[in-house]
Amino acid sequence: MDWNRVEGNWKQAKGKVKEQWGKLTDDDLDRIAGKRDQLEGIIQERYGLERDRARQDIDDWYGKQTW
């Protein structure tokens, strides 16, 4: 997976992330700043998921995106 694409296009990706994970706030998205590990941690926290589940959900989401 080429996460660099998400980091490089974070302004556009934020909207897609917010659609998928609506519990994330704008402040969360600003803190994440395209960093995958930060996204995993905040999703884990907001949704009460285990790290592996958050990672899998992100992988699934990323695989569905058209960049």
N, C-alpha and C. Protein backbone atom coordinates (compact mmCIF):
# COMPACT_ATOMS: atom_id res chain seq x y z
N MET A 1 0.85 -1.17 0.00
CA MET A 1 0.00 0.00 0.00
C MET A 1 0.89 1.24 0.00
N ASP A 2 0.55 2.18 -0.82
CA ASP A 2 1.33 3.40 -0.94
C ASP A 2 0.64 4.52 -0.17
N TRP A 3 0.87 4.55 1.13
CA TRP A 3 0.21 5.54 1.98
C TRP A 3 0.71 6.95 1.68
N ASN A 4 1.87 7.08 1.03
CA ASN A 4 2.39 8.40 0.69
C ASN A 4 1.40 9.20 -0.14
N ARG A 5 0.61 8.51 -0.92
CA ARG A 5 -0.41 9.17 -1.74
C ARG A 5 -1.44 9.87 -0.85
N VAL A 6 -1.82 9.22 0.25
CA VAL A 6 -2.77 9.83 1.18
C VAL A 6 -2.13 11.02 1.86
N GLU A 7 -0.91 10.85 2.34
CA GLU A 7 -0.23 11.96 3.00
C GLU A 7 -0.08 13.16 2.09
N GLY A 8 0.29 12.92 0.84
CA GLY A 8 0.49 14.00 -0.11
C GLY A 8 -0.79 14.71 -0.50
N ASN A 9 -1.90 14.02 -0.40
CA ASN A 9 -3.20 14.59 -0.77
C ASN A 9 -4.12 14.68 0.45
N TRP A 10 -3.55 14.97 1.60
CA TRP A 10 -4.33 14.92 2.84
C TRP A 10 -5.53 15.86 2.82
N LYS A 11 -5.39 17.02 2.21
CA LYS A 11 -6.53 17.95 2.19
C LYS A 11 -7.73 17.31 1.49
N GLN A 12 -7.49 16.61 0.40
CA GLN A 12 -8.57 15.93 -0.30
C GLN A 12 -9.00 14.67 0.46
N ALA A 13 -8.05 13.97 1.03
CA ALA A 13 -8.34 12.71 1.72
C ALA A 13 -9.14 12.94 3.00
N LYS A 14 -8.97 14.10 3.64
CA LYS A 14 -9.68 14.37 4.89
C LYS A 14 -11.18 14.21 4.73
N GLY A 15 -11.71 14.70 3.65
CA GLY A 15 -13.15 14.59 3.42
C GLY A 15 -13.60 13.14 3.30
N LYS A 16 -12.80 12.34 2.61
CA LYS A 16 -13.13 10.92 2.45
C LYS A 16 -13.01 10.18 3.78
N VAL A 17 -12.01 10.54 4.57
CA VAL A 17 -11.84 9.93 5.89
C VAL A 17 -13.02 10.30 6.78
N LYS A 18 -13.43 11.55 6.73
CA LYS A 18 -14.55 12.03 7.55
C LYS A 18 -15.85 11.32 7.15
N GLU A 19 -16.04 11.05 5.85
CA GLU A 19 -17.22 10.30 5.40
C GLU A 19 -17.23 8.89 5.99
N GLN A 20 -16.08 8.26 6.02
CA GLN A 20 -15.98 6.89 6.51
C GLN A 20 -16.07 6.81 8.04
N TRP A 21 -15.38 7.72 8.71
CA TRP A 21 -15.31 7.70 10.16
C TRP A 21 -15.84 9.04 10.70
N GLY A 22 -17.12 9.16 10.76
CA GLY A 22 -17.79 10.40 11.13
C GLY A 22 -17.56 10.87 12.56
N LYS A 23 -17.09 9.98 13.42
CA LYS A 23 -16.82 10.38 14.80
C LYS A 23 -15.53 11.18 14.93
N LEU A 24 -14.73 11.22 13.88
CA LEU A 24 -13.49 12.00 13.92
C LEU A 24 -13.82 13.47 13.77
N THR A 25 -13.21 14.28 14.58
CA THR A 25 -13.45 15.72 14.52
C THR A 25 -12.47 16.38 13.56
N ASP A 26 -12.73 17.62 13.23
CA ASP A 26 -11.80 18.37 12.38
C ASP A 26 -10.44 18.50 13.08
N ASP A 27 -10.46 18.67 14.39
CA ASP A 27 -9.20 18.74 15.14
C ASP A 27 -8.44 17.42 15.03
N ASP A 28 -9.17 16.29 15.11
CA ASP A 28 -8.53 14.98 14.94
C ASP A 28 -7.85 14.92 13.58
N LEU A 29 -8.56 15.32 12.55
CA LEU A 29 -8.03 15.25 11.20
C LEU A 29 -6.82 16.15 11.02
N ASP A 30 -6.83 17.31 11.66
CA ASP A 30 -5.66 18.19 11.60
C ASP A 30 -4.47 17.57 12.31
N ARG A 31 -4.71 16.92 13.45
CA ARG A 31 -3.63 16.25 14.19
C ARG A 31 -3.07 15.07 13.41
N ILE A 32 -3.93 14.34 12.73
CA ILE A 32 -3.49 13.17 11.96
C ILE A 32 -2.54 13.59 10.85
N ALA A 33 -2.89 14.65 10.15
CA ALA A 33 -2.04 15.23 9.09
C ALA A 33 -1.53 14.19 8.10
N GLY A 34 -2.36 13.19 7.81
CA GLY A 34 -1.98 12.18 6.83
C GLY A 34 -1.17 11.02 7.37
N LYS A 35 -0.83 11.04 8.63
CA LYS A 35 -0.02 9.98 9.23
C LYS A 35 -0.89 8.77 9.56
N ARG A 36 -0.58 7.66 8.96
CA ARG A 36 -1.38 6.46 9.12
C ARG A 36 -1.44 5.99 10.57
N ASP A 37 -0.32 5.99 11.27
CA ASP A 37 -0.33 5.51 12.65
C ASP A 37 -1.21 6.39 13.53
N GLN A 38 -1.23 7.70 13.25
CA GLN A 38 -2.10 8.59 13.99
C GLN A 38 -3.57 8.29 13.70
N LEU A 39 -3.88 8.04 12.44
CA LEU A 39 -5.24 7.69 12.05
C LEU A 39 -5.68 6.41 12.74
N GLU A 40 -4.83 5.41 12.75
CA GLU A 40 -5.15 4.14 13.43
C GLU A 40 -5.45 4.38 14.90
N GLY A 41 -4.61 5.15 15.56
CA GLY A 41 -4.78 5.39 16.98
C GLY A 41 -6.07 6.13 17.31
N ILE A 42 -6.39 7.13 16.52
CA ILE A 42 -7.60 7.90 16.80
C ILE A 42 -8.85 7.10 16.48
N ILE A 43 -8.82 6.33 15.40
CA ILE A 43 -9.97 5.46 15.10
C ILE A 43 -10.15 4.45 16.22
N GLN A 44 -9.05 3.89 16.68
CA GLN A 44 -9.10 2.93 17.78
C GLN A 44 -9.75 3.57 19.01
N GLU A 45 -9.35 4.77 19.32
CA GLU A 45 -9.86 5.48 20.49
C GLU A 45 -11.34 5.84 20.34
N ARG A 46 -11.70 6.46 19.22
CA ARG A 46 -13.07 6.93 19.02
C ARG A 46 -14.09 5.80 18.89
N TYR A 47 -13.68 4.70 18.27
CA TYR A 47 -14.62 3.62 17.99
C TYR A 47 -14.44 2.42 18.92
N GLY A 48 -13.47 2.47 19.82
CA GLY A 48 -13.26 1.39 20.76
C GLY A 48 -12.81 0.09 20.10
N LEU A 49 -12.01 0.23 19.05
CA LEU A 49 -11.54 -0.94 18.31
C LEU A 49 -10.14 -1.34 18.76
N GLU A 50 -9.81 -2.58 18.52
CA GLU A 50 -8.43 -3.02 18.74
C GLU A 50 -7.58 -2.52 17.58
N ARG A 51 -6.29 -2.40 17.82
CA ARG A 51 -5.37 -1.83 16.82
C ARG A 51 -5.44 -2.59 15.50
N ASP A 52 -5.47 -3.93 15.56
CA ASP A 52 -5.52 -4.73 14.34
C ASP A 52 -6.79 -4.48 13.55
N ARG A 53 -7.90 -4.30 14.25
CA ARG A 53 -9.17 -4.03 13.57
C ARG A 53 -9.15 -2.66 12.92
N ALA A 54 -8.62 -1.66 13.60
CA ALA A 54 -8.51 -0.32 13.02
C ALA A 54 -7.63 -0.37 11.78
N ARG A 55 -6.53 -1.10 11.86
CA ARG A 55 -5.60 -1.23 10.73
C ARG A 55 -6.31 -1.88 9.54
N GLN A 56 -7.07 -2.95 9.81
CA GLN A 56 -7.79 -3.64 8.74
C GLN A 56 -8.86 -2.74 8.12
N ASP A 57 -9.57 -2.00 8.94
CA ASP A 57 -10.59 -1.08 8.43
C ASP A 57 -9.97 -0.02 7.52
N ILE A 58 -8.80 0.47 7.90
CA ILE A 58 -8.10 1.46 7.07
C ILE A 58 -7.66 0.82 5.76
N ASP A 59 -7.12 -0.38 5.82
CA ASP A 59 -6.72 -1.09 4.60
C ASP A 59 -7.91 -1.27 3.66
N ASP A 60 -9.05 -1.68 4.23
CA ASP A 60 -10.25 -1.88 3.42
C ASP A 60 -10.70 -0.56 2.79
N TRP A 61 -10.71 0.50 3.58
CA TRP A 61 -11.10 1.82 3.08
C TRP A 61 -10.16 2.26 1.97
N TYR A 62 -8.86 2.13 2.20
CA TYR A 62 -7.87 2.58 1.23
C TYR A 62 -8.02 1.82 -0.10
N GLY A 63 -8.29 0.53 -0.01
CA GLY A 63 -8.44 -0.29 -1.21
C GLY A 63 -9.63 0.12 -2.07
N LYS A 64 -10.60 0.77 -1.49
CA LYS A 64 -11.80 1.20 -2.22
C LYS A 64 -11.66 2.58 -2.83
N GLN A 65 -10.58 3.28 -2.48
CA GLN A 65 -10.42 4.65 -2.96
C GLN A 65 -9.87 4.68 -4.37
N THR A 66 -10.30 5.68 -5.11
CA THR A 66 -9.73 5.93 -6.44
C THR A 66 -8.95 7.23 -6.34
N TRP A 67 -7.70 7.15 -6.58
CA TRP A 67 -6.84 8.33 -6.43
C TRP A 67 -6.46 8.84 -7.77
